[in-house]
Amino acid sequence: MIRILIAAGLSLGGAAWVIASAAAADDKATAALLDGQLPDDPARPLVQGKCLLCHSAEYVTSQRLTEGQWQKTVDKMRKFGSPATDEEAKAMTAYFARYWTPDLPPLRVVRAPAPPGSVPGK
């Protein structure tokens, strides 16, 4: 009986460690999203090659939209001249909708102080 309880305790401890590890990985991935990084994904090169021609990664990743809103945004960019095909637009929309959802906290903005003497009068 005691062996069974110890084994169960070890199993539960292992499960707790796996859950904690998954949560830490999720936190790290979320932190990267909040820092304006593009996650490694098959659609990442499309975004780099199509969207980052005109926009910074921080600008693109600052949006928090539903899939429908992302679709409208991608469609609008294509009307403005983005060279994305229908298939590429679908892949980019899915990429954005997968990572930058309305429930993701806002992009973190870090403002560095101006170097001494760079601001007149200060």
PDB file of N, CA and C in Angstrom:
ATOM      1  N   MET A   1       0.822  -1.202   0.000  1.00  0.00           N
ATOM      2  CA  MET A   1       0.000   0.000   0.000  1.00  0.00           C
ATOM      3  C   MET A   1       0.863   1.262   0.000  1.00  0.00           C
ATOM      4  N   ILE A   2       1.894   1.252   0.858  1.00  0.00           N
ATOM      5  CA  ILE A   2       2.770   2.417   0.934  1.00  0.00           C
ATOM      6  C   ILE A   2       3.484   2.621  -0.397  1.00  0.00           C
ATOM      7  N   ARG A   3       3.922   1.515  -1.039  1.00  0.00           N
ATOM      8  CA  ARG A   3       4.592   1.628  -2.336  1.00  0.00           C
ATOM      9  C   ARG A   3       3.669   2.263  -3.377  1.00  0.00           C
ATOM     10  N   ILE A   4       2.414   1.884  -3.324  1.00  0.00           N
ATOM     11  CA  ILE A   4       1.452   2.448  -4.273  1.00  0.00           C
ATOM     12  C   ILE A   4       1.315   3.949  -4.046  1.00  0.00           C
ATOM     13  N   LEU A   5       1.232   4.362  -2.780  1.00  0.00           N
ATOM     14  CA  LEU A   5       1.102   5.784  -2.472  1.00  0.00           C
ATOM     15  C   LEU A   5       2.347   6.557  -2.896  1.00  0.00           C
ATOM     16  N   ILE A   6       3.527   5.970  -2.662  1.00  0.00           N
ATOM     17  CA  ILE A   6       4.764   6.641  -3.075  1.00  0.00           C
ATOM     18  C   ILE A   6       4.802   6.767  -4.590  1.00  0.00           C
ATOM     19  N   ALA A   7       4.454   5.683  -5.284  1.00  0.00           N
ATOM     20  CA  ALA A   7       4.441   5.720  -6.749  1.00  0.00           C
ATOM     21  C   ALA A   7       3.442   6.758  -7.248  1.00  0.00           C
ATOM     22  N   ALA A   8       2.279   6.807  -6.608  1.00  0.00           N
ATOM     23  CA  ALA A   8       1.272   7.793  -7.008  1.00  0.00           C
ATOM     24  C   ALA A   8       1.788   9.204  -6.754  1.00  0.00           C
ATOM     25  N   GLY A   9       2.462   9.392  -5.618  1.00  0.00           N
ATOM     26  CA  GLY A   9       3.020  10.705  -5.305  1.00  0.00           C
ATOM     27  C   GLY A   9       4.082  11.114  -6.305  1.00  0.00           C
ATOM     28  N   LEU A  10       4.947  10.173  -6.684  1.00  0.00           N
ATOM     29  CA  LEU A  10       5.971  10.473  -7.682  1.00  0.00           C
ATOM     30  C   LEU A  10       5.340  10.790  -9.022  1.00  0.00           C
ATOM     31  N   SER A  11       4.308  10.034  -9.367  1.00  0.00           N
ATOM     32  CA  SER A  11       3.629  10.289 -10.637  1.00  0.00           C
ATOM     33  C   SER A  11       2.992  11.669 -10.634  1.00  0.00           C
ATOM     34  N   LEU A  12       2.349  12.005  -9.538  1.00  0.00           N
ATOM     35  CA  LEU A  12       1.722  13.321  -9.458  1.00  0.00           C
ATOM     36  C   LEU A  12       2.769  14.426  -9.464  1.00  0.00           C
ATOM     37  N   GLY A  13       3.881  14.185  -8.774  1.00  0.00           N
ATOM     38  CA  GLY A  13       4.955  15.174  -8.779  1.00  0.00           C
ATOM     39  C   GLY A  13       5.505  15.369 -10.174  1.00  0.00           C
ATOM     40  N   GLY A  14       5.652  14.275 -10.900  1.00  0.00           N
ATOM     41  CA  GLY A  14       6.116  14.357 -12.283  1.00  0.00           C
ATOM     42  C   GLY A  14       5.130  15.112 -13.141  1.00  0.00           C
ATOM     43  N   ALA A  15       3.850  14.849 -12.924  1.00  0.00           N
ATOM     44  CA  ALA A  15       2.820  15.553 -13.695  1.00  0.00           C
ATOM     45  C   ALA A  15       2.850  17.041 -13.378  1.00  0.00           C
ATOM     46  N   ALA A  16       3.049  17.364 -12.100  1.00  0.00           N
ATOM     47  CA  ALA A  16       3.108  18.773 -11.715  1.00  0.00           C
ATOM     48  C   ALA A  16       4.307  19.450 -12.371  1.00  0.00           C
ATOM     49  N   TRP A  17       5.442  18.736 -12.450  1.00  0.00           N
ATOM     50  CA  TRP A  17       6.629  19.306 -13.082  1.00  0.00           C
ATOM     51  C   TRP A  17       6.385  19.537 -14.564  1.00  0.00           C
ATOM     52  N   VAL A  18       5.722  18.578 -15.216  1.00  0.00           N
ATOM     53  CA  VAL A  18       5.414  18.728 -16.642  1.00  0.00           C
ATOM     54  C   VAL A  18       4.495  19.924 -16.849  1.00  0.00           C
ATOM     55  N   ILE A  19       3.489  20.064 -15.998  1.00  0.00           N
ATOM     56  CA  ILE A  19       2.565  21.194 -16.105  1.00  0.00           C
ATOM     57  C   ILE A  19       3.314  22.505 -15.868  1.00  0.00           C
ATOM     58  N   ALA A  20       4.190  22.530 -14.852  1.00  0.00           N
ATOM     59  CA  ALA A  20       4.955  23.746 -14.569  1.00  0.00           C
ATOM     60  C   ALA A  20       5.881  24.083 -15.733  1.00  0.00           C
ATOM     61  N   SER A  21       6.498  23.064 -16.331  1.00  0.00           N
ATOM     62  CA  SER A  21       7.383  23.305 -17.472  1.00  0.00           C
ATOM     63  C   SER A  21       6.606  23.862 -18.650  1.00  0.00           C
ATOM     64  N   ALA A  22       5.419  23.313 -18.892  1.00  0.00           N
ATOM     65  CA  ALA A  22       4.588  23.802 -19.996  1.00  0.00           C
ATOM     66  C   ALA A  22       4.171  25.245 -19.741  1.00  0.00           C
ATOM     67  N   ALA A  23       3.829  25.551 -18.487  1.00  0.00           N
ATOM     68  CA  ALA A  23       3.435  26.921 -18.151  1.00  0.00           C
ATOM     69  C   ALA A  23       4.610  27.875 -18.343  1.00  0.00           C
ATOM     70  N   ALA A  24       5.813  27.443 -17.947  1.00  0.00           N
ATOM     71  CA  ALA A  24       6.993  28.293 -18.127  1.00  0.00           C
ATOM     72  C   ALA A  24       7.268  28.522 -19.611  1.00  0.00           C
ATOM     73  N   ALA A  25       7.109  27.483 -20.416  1.00  0.00           N
ATOM     74  CA  ALA A  25       7.306  27.627 -21.865  1.00  0.00           C
ATOM     75  C   ALA A  25       6.269  28.578 -22.446  1.00  0.00           C
ATOM     76  N   ASP A  26       5.015  28.451 -21.984  1.00  0.00           N
ATOM     77  CA  ASP A  26       3.961  29.364 -22.440  1.00  0.00           C
ATOM     78  C   ASP A  26       4.285  30.799 -22.045  1.00  0.00           C
ATOM     79  N   ASP A  27       4.775  30.986 -20.803  1.00  0.00           N
ATOM     80  CA  ASP A  27       5.136  32.328 -20.343  1.00  0.00           C
ATOM     81  C   ASP A  27       6.257  32.909 -21.197  1.00  0.00           C
ATOM     82  N   LYS A  28       7.247  32.083 -21.526  1.00  0.00           N
ATOM     83  CA  LYS A  28       8.368  32.550 -22.344  1.00  0.00           C
ATOM     84  C   LYS A  28       7.891  32.915 -23.749  1.00  0.00           C
ATOM     85  N   ALA A  29       7.017  32.083 -24.310  1.00  0.00           N
ATOM     86  CA  ALA A  29       6.483  32.364 -25.648  1.00  0.00           C
ATOM     87  C   ALA A  29       5.650  33.643 -25.635  1.00  0.00           C
ATOM     88  N   THR A  30       4.832  33.815 -24.590  1.00  0.00           N
ATOM     89  CA  THR A  30       4.017  35.025 -24.473  1.00  0.00           C
ATOM     90  C   THR A  30       4.910  36.247 -24.310  1.00  0.00           C
ATOM     91  N   ALA A  31       5.967  36.121 -23.517  1.00  0.00           N
ATOM     92  CA  ALA A  31       6.891  37.243 -23.331  1.00  0.00           C
ATOM     93  C   ALA A  31       7.525  37.640 -24.658  1.00  0.00           C
ATOM     94  N   ALA A  32       7.876  36.668 -25.474  1.00  0.00           N
ATOM     95  CA  ALA A  32       8.458  36.968 -26.790  1.00  0.00           C
ATOM     96  C   ALA A  32       7.449  37.712 -27.659  1.00  0.00           C
ATOM     97  N   LEU A  33       6.186  37.279 -27.609  1.00  0.00           N
ATOM     98  CA  LEU A  33       5.146  37.967 -28.381  1.00  0.00           C
ATOM     99  C   LEU A  33       4.986  39.408 -27.906  1.00  0.00           C
ATOM    100  N   LEU A  34       5.065  39.598 -26.594  1.00  0.00           N
ATOM    101  CA  LEU A  34       4.894  40.940 -26.034  1.00  0.00           C
ATOM    102  C   LEU A  34       6.090  41.834 -26.328  1.00  0.00           C
ATOM    103  N   ASP A  35       7.212  41.232 -26.679  1.00  0.00           N
ATOM    104  CA  ASP A  35       8.400  42.009 -27.035  1.00  0.00           C
ATOM    105  C   ASP A  35       8.489  42.260 -28.533  1.00  0.00           C
ATOM    106  N   GLY A  36       7.440  41.919 -29.275  1.00  0.00           N
ATOM    107  CA  GLY A  36       7.407  42.202 -30.704  1.00  0.00           C
ATOM    108  C   GLY A  36       8.176  41.223 -31.565  1.00  0.00           C
ATOM    109  N   GLN A  37       8.444  40.037 -31.036  1.00  0.00           N
ATOM    110  CA  GLN A  37       9.179  39.040 -31.806  1.00  0.00           C
ATOM    111  C   GLN A  37       8.227  38.199 -32.643  1.00  0.00           C
ATOM    112  N   LEU A  38       8.681  37.781 -33.798  1.00  0.00           N
ATOM    113  CA  LEU A  38       7.890  36.902 -34.660  1.00  0.00           C
ATOM    114  C   LEU A  38       8.215  35.454 -34.312  1.00  0.00           C
ATOM    115  N   PRO A  39       7.227  34.678 -33.868  1.00  0.00           N
ATOM    116  CA  PRO A  39       7.487  33.283 -33.515  1.00  0.00           C
ATOM    117  C   PRO A  39       7.928  32.461 -34.722  1.00  0.00           C
ATOM    118  N   ASP A  40       8.752  31.452 -34.445  1.00  0.00           N
ATOM    119  CA  ASP A  40       9.169  30.536 -35.495  1.00  0.00           C
ATOM    120  C   ASP A  40       7.943  29.762 -35.951  1.00  0.00           C
ATOM    121  N   ASP A  41       7.662  29.816 -37.213  1.00  0.00           N
ATOM    122  CA  ASP A  41       6.437  29.251 -37.775  1.00  0.00           C
ATOM    123  C   ASP A  41       6.644  29.190 -39.293  1.00  0.00           C
ATOM    124  N   PRO A  42       6.009  28.241 -39.975  1.00  0.00           N
ATOM    125  CA  PRO A  42       6.163  28.194 -41.437  1.00  0.00           C
ATOM    126  C   PRO A  42       5.763  29.497 -42.143  1.00  0.00           C
ATOM    127  N   ALA A  43       4.862  30.283 -41.548  1.00  0.00           N
ATOM    128  CA  ALA A  43       4.420  31.534 -42.181  1.00  0.00           C
ATOM    129  C   ALA A  43       5.332  32.719 -41.852  1.00  0.00           C
ATOM    130  N   ARG A  44       6.259  32.528 -40.938  1.00  0.00           N
ATOM    131  CA  ARG A  44       7.137  33.642 -40.543  1.00  0.00           C
ATOM    132  C   ARG A  44       7.876  34.266 -41.736  1.00  0.00           C
ATOM    133  N   PRO A  45       8.490  33.464 -42.627  1.00  0.00           N
ATOM    134  CA  PRO A  45       9.176  34.082 -43.776  1.00  0.00           C
ATOM    135  C   PRO A  45       8.242  34.906 -44.665  1.00  0.00           C
ATOM    136  N   LEU A  46       6.980  34.491 -44.757  1.00  0.00           N
ATOM    137  CA  LEU A  46       6.012  35.278 -45.532  1.00  0.00           C
ATOM    138  C   LEU A  46       5.822  36.657 -44.914  1.00  0.00           C
ATOM    139  N   VAL A  47       5.632  36.670 -43.602  1.00  0.00           N
ATOM    140  CA  VAL A  47       5.434  37.939 -42.898  1.00  0.00           C
ATOM    141  C   VAL A  47       6.680  38.809 -43.045  1.00  0.00           C
ATOM    142  N   GLN A  48       7.850  38.192 -42.895  1.00  0.00           N
ATOM    143  CA  GLN A  48       9.089  38.954 -43.036  1.00  0.00           C
ATOM    144  C   GLN A  48       9.228  39.518 -44.453  1.00  0.00           C
ATOM    145  N   GLY A  49       8.857  38.729 -45.441  1.00  0.00           N
ATOM    146  CA  GLY A  49       9.033  39.149 -46.826  1.00  0.00           C
ATOM    147  C   GLY A  49       7.939  40.038 -47.380  1.00  0.00           C
ATOM    148  N   LYS A  50       6.747  39.961 -46.821  1.00  0.00           N
ATOM    149  CA  LYS A  50       5.616  40.745 -47.342  1.00  0.00           C
ATOM    150  C   LYS A  50       5.286  41.942 -46.452  1.00  0.00           C
ATOM    151  N   CYS A  51       5.171  41.723 -45.146  1.00  0.00           N
ATOM    152  CA  CYS A  51       4.719  42.784 -44.240  1.00  0.00           C
ATOM    153  C   CYS A  51       5.854  43.719 -43.817  1.00  0.00           C
ATOM    154  N   LEU A  52       7.033  43.111 -43.571  1.00  0.00           N
ATOM    155  CA  LEU A  52       8.131  43.920 -43.051  1.00  0.00           C
ATOM    156  C   LEU A  52       8.828  44.742 -44.127  1.00  0.00           C
ATOM    157  N   LEU A  53       8.312  44.673 -45.353  1.00  0.00           N
ATOM    158  CA  LEU A  53       8.798  45.582 -46.397  1.00  0.00           C
ATOM    159  C   LEU A  53       8.439  47.020 -46.036  1.00  0.00           C
ATOM    160  N   CYS A  54       7.266  47.189 -45.432  1.00  0.00           N
ATOM    161  CA  CYS A  54       6.765  48.532 -45.108  1.00  0.00           C
ATOM    162  C   CYS A  54       6.634  48.784 -43.608  1.00  0.00           C
ATOM    163  N   HIS A  55       6.424  47.727 -42.834  1.00  0.00           N
ATOM    164  CA  HIS A  55       6.143  47.871 -41.406  1.00  0.00           C
ATOM    165  C   HIS A  55       7.253  47.263 -40.562  1.00  0.00           C
ATOM    166  N   SER A  56       7.415  47.773 -39.338  1.00  0.00           N
ATOM    167  CA  SER A  56       8.333  47.150 -38.387  1.00  0.00           C
ATOM    168  C   SER A  56       7.631  45.953 -37.751  1.00  0.00           C
ATOM    169  N   ALA A  57       8.415  45.026 -37.235  1.00  0.00           N
ATOM    170  CA  ALA A  57       7.835  43.872 -36.541  1.00  0.00           C
ATOM    171  C   ALA A  57       7.023  44.342 -35.338  1.00  0.00           C
ATOM    172  N   GLU A  58       7.505  45.372 -34.655  1.00  0.00           N
ATOM    173  CA  GLU A  58       6.784  45.889 -33.489  1.00  0.00           C
ATOM    174  C   GLU A  58       5.418  46.436 -33.881  1.00  0.00           C
ATOM    175  N   TYR A  59       5.347  47.111 -35.017  1.00  0.00           N
ATOM    176  CA  TYR A  59       4.058  47.645 -35.462  1.00  0.00           C
ATOM    177  C   TYR A  59       3.096  46.506 -35.795  1.00  0.00           C
ATOM    178  N   VAL A  60       3.577  45.544 -36.551  1.00  0.00           N
ATOM    179  CA  VAL A  60       2.720  44.417 -36.948  1.00  0.00           C
ATOM    180  C   VAL A  60       2.235  43.664 -35.719  1.00  0.00           C
ATOM    181  N   THR A  61       3.138  43.416 -34.776  1.00  0.00           N
ATOM    182  CA  THR A  61       2.788  42.599 -33.614  1.00  0.00           C
ATOM    183  C   THR A  61       2.101  43.384 -32.504  1.00  0.00           C
ATOM    184  N   SER A  62       1.921  44.675 -32.682  1.00  0.00           N
ATOM    185  CA  SER A  62       1.206  45.455 -31.664  1.00  0.00           C
ATOM    186  C   SER A  62      -0.306  45.299 -31.792  1.00  0.00           C
ATOM    187  N   GLN A  63      -0.765  44.751 -32.895  1.00  0.00           N
ATOM    188  CA  GLN A  63      -2.202  44.581 -33.131  1.00  0.00           C
ATOM    189  C   GLN A  63      -2.737  43.401 -32.307  1.00  0.00           C
ATOM    190  N   ARG A  64      -3.956  43.516 -31.859  1.00  0.00           N
ATOM    191  CA  ARG A  64      -4.636  42.439 -31.120  1.00  0.00           C
ATOM    192  C   ARG A  64      -6.003  42.263 -31.773  1.00  0.00           C
ATOM    193  N   LEU A  65      -6.088  41.373 -32.756  1.00  0.00           N
ATOM    194  CA  LEU A  65      -7.288  41.275 -33.580  1.00  0.00           C
ATOM    195  C   LEU A  65      -7.848  39.863 -33.618  1.00  0.00           C
ATOM    196  N   THR A  66      -9.120  39.774 -33.963  1.00  0.00           N
ATOM    197  CA  THR A  66      -9.742  38.475 -34.210  1.00  0.00           C
ATOM    198  C   THR A  66      -9.289  37.982 -35.583  1.00  0.00           C
ATOM    199  N   GLU A  67      -9.573  36.735 -35.894  1.00  0.00           N
ATOM    200  CA  GLU A  67      -9.182  36.215 -37.204  1.00  0.00           C
ATOM    201  C   GLU A  67      -9.846  37.002 -38.334  1.00  0.00           C
ATOM    202  N   GLY A  68     -11.121  37.346 -38.156  1.00  0.00           N
ATOM    203  CA  GLY A  68     -11.821  38.134 -39.171  1.00  0.00           C
ATOM    204  C   GLY A  68     -11.193  39.507 -39.370  1.00  0.00           C
ATOM    205  N   GLN A  69     -10.783  40.129 -38.273  1.00  0.00           N
ATOM    206  CA  GLN A  69     -10.130  41.436 -38.366  1.00  0.00           C
ATOM    207  C   GLN A  69      -8.758  41.321 -39.031  1.00  0.00           C
ATOM    208  N   TRP A  70      -8.043  40.241 -38.717  1.00  0.00           N
ATOM    209  CA  TRP A  70      -6.754  40.021 -39.383  1.00  0.00           C
ATOM    210  C   TRP A  70      -6.965  39.836 -40.881  1.00  0.00           C
ATOM    211  N   GLN A  71      -8.012  39.092 -41.234  1.00  0.00           N
ATOM    212  CA  GLN A  71      -8.298  38.864 -42.659  1.00  0.00           C
ATOM    213  C   GLN A  71      -8.550  40.191 -43.373  1.00  0.00           C
ATOM    214  N   LYS A  72      -9.350  41.056 -42.748  1.00  0.00           N
ATOM    215  CA  LYS A  72      -9.629  42.367 -43.345  1.00  0.00           C
ATOM    216  C   LYS A  72      -8.351  43.201 -43.471  1.00  0.00           C
ATOM    217  N   THR A  73      -7.486  43.112 -42.473  1.00  0.00           N
ATOM    218  CA  THR A  73      -6.228  43.864 -42.505  1.00  0.00           C
ATOM    219  C   THR A  73      -5.331  43.371 -43.633  1.00  0.00           C
ATOM    220  N   VAL A  74      -5.195  42.054 -43.756  1.00  0.00           N
ATOM    221  CA  VAL A  74      -4.364  41.486 -44.827  1.00  0.00           C
ATOM    222  C   VAL A  74      -4.954  41.839 -46.191  1.00  0.00           C
ATOM    223  N   ASP A  75      -6.272  41.736 -46.320  1.00  0.00           N
ATOM    224  CA  ASP A  75      -6.928  42.104 -47.588  1.00  0.00           C
ATOM    225  C   ASP A  75      -6.671  43.576 -47.934  1.00  0.00           C
ATOM    226  N   LYS A  76      -6.746  44.438 -46.921  1.00  0.00           N
ATOM    227  CA  LYS A  76      -6.508  45.872 -47.135  1.00  0.00           C
ATOM    228  C   LYS A  76      -5.074  46.110 -47.606  1.00  0.00           C
ATOM    229  N   MET A  77      -4.121  45.414 -46.997  1.00  0.00           N
ATOM    230  CA  MET A  77      -2.721  45.582 -47.393  1.00  0.00           C
ATOM    231  C   MET A  77      -2.500  45.105 -48.829  1.00  0.00           C
ATOM    232  N   ARG A  78      -3.201  44.067 -49.228  1.00  0.00           N
ATOM    233  CA  ARG A  78      -3.092  43.595 -50.614  1.00  0.00           C
ATOM    234  C   ARG A  78      -3.655  44.641 -51.577  1.00  0.00           C
ATOM    235  N   LYS A  79      -4.739  45.300 -51.186  1.00  0.00           N
ATOM    236  CA  LYS A  79      -5.301  46.361 -52.034  1.00  0.00           C
ATOM    237  C   LYS A  79      -4.342  47.544 -52.140  1.00  0.00           C
ATOM    238  N   PHE A  80      -3.542  47.750 -51.080  1.00  0.00           N
ATOM    239  CA  PHE A  80      -2.550  48.828 -51.093  1.00  0.00           C
ATOM    240  C   PHE A  80      -1.292  48.437 -51.862  1.00  0.00           C
ATOM    241  N   GLY A  81      -1.214  47.175 -52.309  1.00  0.00           N
ATOM    242  CA  GLY A  81      -0.076  46.768 -53.133  1.00  0.00           C
ATOM    243  C   GLY A  81       0.818  45.687 -52.571  1.00  0.00           C
ATOM    244  N   SER A  82       0.460  45.103 -51.430  1.00  0.00           N
ATOM    245  CA  SER A  82       1.271  44.002 -50.903  1.00  0.00           C
ATOM    246  C   SER A  82       1.289  42.863 -51.920  1.00  0.00           C
ATOM    247  N   PRO A  83       2.467  42.325 -52.220  1.00  0.00           N
ATOM    248  CA  PRO A  83       2.576  41.301 -53.263  1.00  0.00           C
ATOM    249  C   PRO A  83       2.240  39.889 -52.788  1.00  0.00           C
ATOM    250  N   ALA A  84       1.235  39.721 -51.947  1.00  0.00           N
ATOM    251  CA  ALA A  84       0.869  38.403 -51.419  1.00  0.00           C
ATOM    252  C   ALA A  84      -0.185  37.738 -52.304  1.00  0.00           C
ATOM    253  N   THR A  85       0.019  36.456 -52.575  1.00  0.00           N
ATOM    254  CA  THR A  85      -0.977  35.675 -53.312  1.00  0.00           C
ATOM    255  C   THR A  85      -2.119  35.317 -52.369  1.00  0.00           C
ATOM    256  N   ASP A  86      -3.193  34.750 -52.912  1.00  0.00           N
ATOM    257  CA  ASP A  86      -4.319  34.316 -52.073  1.00  0.00           C
ATOM    258  C   ASP A  86      -3.853  33.314 -51.021  1.00  0.00           C
ATOM    259  N   GLU A  87      -3.039  32.352 -51.438  1.00  0.00           N
ATOM    260  CA  GLU A  87      -2.548  31.320 -50.517  1.00  0.00           C
ATOM    261  C   GLU A  87      -1.658  31.932 -49.433  1.00  0.00           C
ATOM    262  N   GLU A  88      -0.795  32.846 -49.812  1.00  0.00           N
ATOM    263  CA  GLU A  88       0.072  33.508 -48.837  1.00  0.00           C
ATOM    264  C   GLU A  88      -0.746  34.350 -47.865  1.00  0.00           C
ATOM    265  N   ALA A  89      -1.759  35.027 -48.365  1.00  0.00           N
ATOM    266  CA  ALA A  89      -2.618  35.844 -47.504  1.00  0.00           C
ATOM    267  C   ALA A  89      -3.330  34.976 -46.473  1.00  0.00           C
ATOM    268  N   LYS A  90      -3.802  33.808 -46.886  1.00  0.00           N
ATOM    269  CA  LYS A  90      -4.457  32.893 -45.939  1.00  0.00           C
ATOM    270  C   LYS A  90      -3.474  32.431 -44.873  1.00  0.00           C
ATOM    271  N   ALA A  91      -2.254  32.096 -45.288  1.00  0.00           N
ATOM    272  CA  ALA A  91      -1.240  31.632 -44.336  1.00  0.00           C
ATOM    273  C   ALA A  91      -0.862  32.734 -43.348  1.00  0.00           C
ATOM    274  N   MET A  92      -0.711  33.966 -43.840  1.00  0.00           N
ATOM    275  CA  MET A  92      -0.364  35.078 -42.955  1.00  0.00           C
ATOM    276  C   MET A  92      -1.508  35.397 -41.998  1.00  0.00           C
ATOM    277  N   THR A  93      -2.738  35.364 -42.499  1.00  0.00           N
ATOM    278  CA  THR A  93      -3.896  35.612 -41.635  1.00  0.00           C
ATOM    279  C   THR A  93      -3.945  34.585 -40.514  1.00  0.00           C
ATOM    280  N   ALA A  94      -3.747  33.320 -40.846  1.00  0.00           N
ATOM    281  CA  ALA A  94      -3.756  32.258 -39.834  1.00  0.00           C
ATOM    282  C   ALA A  94      -2.625  32.466 -38.823  1.00  0.00           C
ATOM    283  N   TYR A  95      -1.464  32.870 -39.295  1.00  0.00           N
ATOM    284  CA  TYR A  95      -0.307  33.130 -38.420  1.00  0.00           C
ATOM    285  C   TYR A  95      -0.629  34.245 -37.432  1.00  0.00           C
ATOM    286  N   PHE A  96      -1.126  35.355 -37.948  1.00  0.00           N
ATOM    287  CA  PHE A  96      -1.466  36.469 -37.060  1.00  0.00           C
ATOM    288  C   PHE A  96      -2.552  36.076 -36.062  1.00  0.00           C
ATOM    289  N   ALA A  97      -3.583  35.387 -36.534  1.00  0.00           N
ATOM    290  CA  ALA A  97      -4.707  35.006 -35.671  1.00  0.00           C
ATOM    291  C   ALA A  97      -4.287  33.985 -34.617  1.00  0.00           C
ATOM    292  N   ARG A  98      -3.270  33.205 -34.913  1.00  0.00           N
ATOM    293  CA  ARG A  98      -2.785  32.192 -33.971  1.00  0.00           C
ATOM    294  C   ARG A  98      -2.044  32.841 -32.800  1.00  0.00           C
ATOM    295  N   TYR A  99      -1.340  33.913 -33.052  1.00  0.00           N
ATOM    296  CA  TYR A  99      -0.481  34.491 -32.014  1.00  0.00           C
ATOM    297  C   TYR A  99      -0.978  35.814 -31.433  1.00  0.00           C
ATOM    298  N   TRP A 100      -1.515  36.707 -32.231  1.00  0.00           N
ATOM    299  CA  TRP A 100      -1.874  38.054 -31.757  1.00  0.00           C
ATOM    300  C   TRP A 100      -3.385  38.197 -31.685  1.00  0.00           C
ATOM    301  N   THR A 101      -3.928  37.599 -30.639  1.00  0.00           N
ATOM    302  CA  THR A 101      -5.370  37.551 -30.409  1.00  0.00           C
ATOM    303  C   THR A 101      -5.787  38.706 -29.495  1.00  0.00           C
ATOM    304  N   PRO A 102      -7.078  39.005 -29.447  1.00  0.00           N
ATOM    305  CA  PRO A 102      -7.540  40.097 -28.583  1.00  0.00           C
ATOM    306  C   PRO A 102      -7.229  39.886 -27.098  1.00  0.00           C
ATOM    307  N   ASP A 103      -7.057  38.633 -26.650  1.00  0.00           N
ATOM    308  CA  ASP A 103      -6.797  38.393 -25.228  1.00  0.00           C
ATOM    309  C   ASP A 103      -5.310  38.479 -24.859  1.00  0.00           C
ATOM    310  N   LEU A 104      -4.434  38.679 -25.830  1.00  0.00           N
ATOM    311  CA  LEU A 104      -3.010  38.848 -25.536  1.00  0.00           C
ATOM    312  C   LEU A 104      -2.786  40.254 -24.979  1.00  0.00           C
ATOM    313  N   PRO A 105      -2.031  40.376 -23.881  1.00  0.00           N
ATOM    314  CA  PRO A 105      -1.779  41.716 -23.338  1.00  0.00           C
ATOM    315  C   PRO A 105      -1.098  42.618 -24.369  1.00  0.00           C
ATOM    316  N   PRO A 106      -1.157  43.929 -24.155  1.00  0.00           N
ATOM    317  CA  PRO A 106      -0.544  44.868 -25.109  1.00  0.00           C
ATOM    318  C   PRO A 106       0.961  44.660 -25.236  1.00  0.00           C
ATOM    319  N   LEU A 107       1.495  45.103 -26.357  1.00  0.00           N
ATOM    320  CA  LEU A 107       2.930  45.064 -26.613  1.00  0.00           C
ATOM    321  C   LEU A 107       3.641  45.889 -25.552  1.00  0.00           C
ATOM    322  N   ARG A 108       4.750  45.347 -25.039  1.00  0.00           N
ATOM    323  CA  ARG A 108       5.528  46.094 -24.043  1.00  0.00           C
ATOM    324  C   ARG A 108       6.384  47.128 -24.760  1.00  0.00           C
ATOM    325  N   VAL A 109       6.305  48.336 -24.284  1.00  0.00           N
ATOM    326  CA  VAL A 109       7.117  49.408 -24.853  1.00  0.00           C
ATOM    327  C   VAL A 109       8.092  49.862 -23.774  1.00  0.00           C
ATOM    328  N   VAL A 110       9.357  49.800 -24.101  1.00  0.00           N
ATOM    329  CA  VAL A 110      10.390  50.238 -23.163  1.00  0.00           C
ATOM    330  C   VAL A 110      10.988  51.521 -23.713  1.00  0.00           C
ATOM    331  N   ARG A 111      10.904  52.561 -22.923  1.00  0.00           N
ATOM    332  CA  ARG A 111      11.447  53.852 -23.352  1.00  0.00           C
ATOM    333  C   ARG A 111      12.763  54.101 -22.630  1.00  0.00           C
ATOM    334  N   ALA A 112      13.783  54.273 -23.404  1.00  0.00           N
ATOM    335  CA  ALA A 112      15.094  54.567 -22.832  1.00  0.00           C
ATOM    336  C   ALA A 112      15.215  56.070 -22.633  1.00  0.00           C
ATOM    337  N   PRO A 113      15.859  56.474 -21.557  1.00  0.00           N
ATOM    338  CA  PRO A 113      16.031  57.916 -21.361  1.00  0.00           C
ATOM    339  C   PRO A 113      16.956  58.489 -22.434  1.00  0.00           C
ATOM    340  N   ALA A 114      16.748  59.738 -22.743  1.00  0.00           N
ATOM    341  CA  ALA A 114      17.604  60.423 -23.718  1.00  0.00           C
ATOM    342  C   ALA A 114      19.003  60.561 -23.133  1.00  0.00           C
ATOM    343  N   PRO A 115      20.022  60.395 -23.964  1.00  0.00           N
ATOM    344  CA  PRO A 115      21.392  60.571 -23.462  1.00  0.00           C
ATOM    345  C   PRO A 115      21.588  61.990 -22.931  1.00  0.00           C
ATOM    346  N   PRO A 116      22.401  62.143 -21.902  1.00  0.00           N
ATOM    347  CA  PRO A 116      22.655  63.477 -21.344  1.00  0.00           C
ATOM    348  C   PRO A 116      23.141  64.442 -22.425  1.00  0.00           C
ATOM    349  N   GLY A 117      22.571  65.627 -22.428  1.00  0.00           N
ATOM    350  CA  GLY A 117      22.972  66.661 -23.370  1.00  0.00           C
ATOM    351  C   GLY A 117      22.307  66.568 -24.733  1.00  0.00           C
ATOM    352  N   SER A 118      21.485  65.551 -24.952  1.00  0.00           N
ATOM    353  CA  SER A 118      20.859  65.402 -26.269  1.00  0.00           C
ATOM    354  C   SER A 118      19.551  66.170 -26.393  1.00  0.00           C
ATOM    355  N   VAL A 119      18.986  66.592 -25.278  1.00  0.00           N
ATOM    356  CA  VAL A 119      17.737  67.344 -25.292  1.00  0.00           C
ATOM    357  C   VAL A 119      18.056  68.787 -24.900  1.00  0.00           C
ATOM    358  N   PRO A 120      17.793  69.743 -25.787  1.00  0.00           N
ATOM    359  CA  PRO A 120      18.093  71.149 -25.472  1.00  0.00           C
ATOM    360  C   PRO A 120      17.371  71.602 -24.208  1.00  0.00           C
ATOM    361  N   GLY A 121      18.088  72.303 -23.366  1.00  0.00           N
ATOM    362  CA  GLY A 121      17.497  72.857 -22.155  1.00  0.00           C
ATOM    363  C   GLY A 121      17.432  71.877 -20.999  1.00  0.00           C
ATOM    364  N   LYS A 122      17.980  70.705 -21.164  1.00  0.00           N
ATOM    365  CA  LYS A 122      17.937  69.735 -20.056  1.00  0.00           C
ATOM    366  C   LYS A 122      19.308  69.229 -19.749  1.00  0.00           C
TER     367      LYS A 122
END
